[in-house]
Amino acid sequence: MVIYGTALLSTCLILGLIAGRAIGWLVGVEANIGGVGLAMLALILCCDRLHNAGLMKPPTEQGIQFWSSVYIPVVVAMAASQNVFTALSGGTVALVAGTLSVAACFALVPVIGRLGGEPSAENSKAK
């Protein structure tokens, strides 16, 4: 049912927001740090695991696809509601966290590229 996809998405969002709030508390900032991103990762992992186990039915996928089409505006609205001044007034924590996350992303690009493996002969000919 479509409602299962919506329930999965909302569960991942709630867990991500709780984790983001906890991370903010741990670093001493009264803000949600990375909650929406953690929710997105949780949703990707849950969907992949359910799909591989054969438990992801087409109507459930439709529910997830519906909400994924409105996900970007929701993320933008949530990001706009964050108190950026509070995060920056926390001192160097925000700068260090931002710098480290960007450096980690740059460092992981080759690793993620290798995870895709070699392109198949069919994919090579299609290009």
Protein backbone atom coordinates (compact mmCIF):
# COMPACT_ATOMS: atom_id res chain seq x y z
CA MET A 1 0.00 0.00 0.00
CA VAL A 2 1.08 3.56 -0.66
CA ILE A 3 0.67 4.37 3.03
CA TYR A 4 3.54 1.99 3.91
CA GLY A 5 5.95 4.05 1.83
CA THR A 6 4.76 7.20 3.56
CA ALA A 7 5.10 5.53 6.96
CA LEU A 8 8.65 4.42 6.14
CA LEU A 9 9.59 7.92 5.03
CA SER A 10 8.09 9.56 8.11
CA THR A 11 9.77 7.05 10.45
CA CYS A 12 13.15 7.75 8.86
CA LEU A 13 12.52 11.50 9.11
CA ILE A 14 11.61 11.32 12.80
CA LEU A 15 14.66 9.16 13.59
CA GLY A 16 16.90 11.50 11.58
CA LEU A 17 15.58 14.58 13.36
CA ILE A 18 16.13 12.96 16.75
CA ALA A 19 19.68 11.98 15.76
CA GLY A 20 20.38 15.47 14.38
CA ARG A 21 19.12 17.08 17.59
CA ALA A 22 21.31 14.69 19.62
CA ILE A 23 24.38 15.57 17.53
CA GLY A 24 23.64 19.25 18.06
CA TRP A 25 23.38 18.69 21.79
CA LEU A 26 26.66 16.75 21.83
CA VAL A 27 28.58 19.57 20.15
CA GLY A 28 26.89 22.25 22.24
CA VAL A 29 24.70 23.86 19.58
CA GLU A 30 20.97 24.21 20.06
CA ALA A 31 20.16 23.15 16.52
CA ASN A 32 19.46 20.08 14.44
CA ILE A 33 22.77 19.12 12.82
CA GLY A 34 22.35 16.87 9.81
CA GLY A 35 18.99 15.39 10.80
CA VAL A 36 17.46 15.59 7.34
CA GLY A 37 20.58 14.11 5.75
CA LEU A 38 20.60 11.27 8.26
CA ALA A 39 16.92 10.69 7.52
CA MET A 40 17.68 10.50 3.79
CA LEU A 41 20.49 8.01 4.38
CA ALA A 42 18.25 5.90 6.61
CA LEU A 43 15.53 5.91 3.94
CA ILE A 44 18.00 4.85 1.25
CA LEU A 45 19.37 2.03 3.42
CA CYS A 46 15.90 0.82 4.45
CA CYS A 47 14.59 0.87 0.89
CA ASP A 48 17.64 -0.97 -0.41
CA ARG A 49 17.38 -3.62 2.28
CA LEU A 50 13.64 -4.09 1.73
CA HIS A 51 14.09 -4.21 -2.04
CA ASN A 52 16.87 -6.82 -1.80
CA ALA A 53 14.74 -8.92 0.55
CA GLY A 54 11.82 -8.77 -1.89
CA LEU A 55 9.61 -6.99 0.63
CA MET A 56 9.29 -3.71 -1.26
CA LYS A 57 6.00 -3.91 -3.13
CA PRO A 58 5.22 -1.53 -6.02
CA PRO A 59 2.55 0.41 -4.09
CA THR A 60 5.05 1.00 -1.26
CA GLU A 61 7.55 2.30 -3.82
CA GLN A 62 4.86 4.61 -5.18
CA GLY A 63 4.38 6.11 -1.72
CA ILE A 64 8.09 6.75 -1.40
CA GLN A 65 8.33 8.17 -4.93
CA PHE A 66 5.42 10.52 -4.25
CA TRP A 67 7.06 12.01 -1.19
CA SER A 68 10.49 12.10 -2.80
CA SER A 69 9.05 14.44 -5.43
CA VAL A 70 8.22 16.96 -2.70
CA TYR A 71 11.27 16.19 -0.57
CA ILE A 72 13.51 18.96 -1.91
CA PRO A 73 11.04 21.77 -1.10
CA VAL A 74 10.65 20.29 2.39
CA VAL A 75 14.43 20.23 2.87
CA VAL A 76 14.71 23.84 1.68
CA ALA A 77 11.95 24.91 4.07
CA MET A 78 13.59 23.10 6.97
CA ALA A 79 17.00 24.57 6.17
CA ALA A 80 15.48 28.06 6.02
CA SER A 81 14.05 27.57 9.50
CA GLN A 82 17.43 26.71 11.02
CA ASN A 83 18.99 29.40 13.15
CA VAL A 84 22.23 29.97 11.24
CA PHE A 85 23.37 32.74 13.55
CA THR A 86 23.23 30.39 16.55
CA ALA A 87 25.30 27.81 14.71
CA LEU A 88 27.94 30.34 13.68
CA SER A 89 28.07 31.97 17.10
CA GLY A 90 29.06 28.57 18.50
CA GLY A 91 32.62 29.51 17.54
CA THR A 92 34.94 27.41 15.47
CA VAL A 93 32.81 24.26 15.88
CA ALA A 94 30.66 25.16 12.88
CA LEU A 95 33.67 26.01 10.72
CA VAL A 96 35.55 22.84 11.68
CA ALA A 97 32.46 20.66 11.14
CA GLY A 98 31.82 22.21 7.72
CA THR A 99 35.44 21.92 6.64
CA LEU A 100 35.73 18.31 7.79
CA SER A 101 32.49 17.26 6.09
CA VAL A 102 33.53 18.84 2.78
CA ALA A 103 36.97 17.23 3.02
CA ALA A 104 35.40 13.84 3.77
CA CYS A 105 33.06 14.17 0.78
CA PHE A 106 35.95 15.01 -1.54
CA ALA A 107 37.97 12.11 -0.17
CA LEU A 108 35.09 9.64 -0.65
CA VAL A 109 34.36 10.52 -4.29
CA PRO A 110 36.93 8.03 -5.69
CA VAL A 111 35.81 5.35 -3.22
CA ILE A 112 32.17 5.71 -4.22
CA GLY A 113 33.21 5.74 -7.89
CA ARG A 114 34.96 2.40 -7.44
CA LEU A 115 31.92 0.87 -5.74
CA GLY A 116 30.02 1.12 -9.01
CA GLY A 117 32.37 -1.38 -10.62
CA GLU A 118 33.26 -1.68 -14.26
CA PRO A 119 30.58 -0.74 -16.78
CA SER A 120 29.06 -3.66 -18.62
CA ALA A 121 29.48 -4.10 -22.37
CA GLU A 122 25.87 -3.04 -22.96
CA ASN A 123 26.33 0.20 -21.05
CA SER A 124 29.57 0.95 -22.91
CA LYS A 125 27.89 0.57 -26.30
CA ALA A 126 24.93 2.73 -25.27
CA LYS A 127 27.25 5.70 -24.71
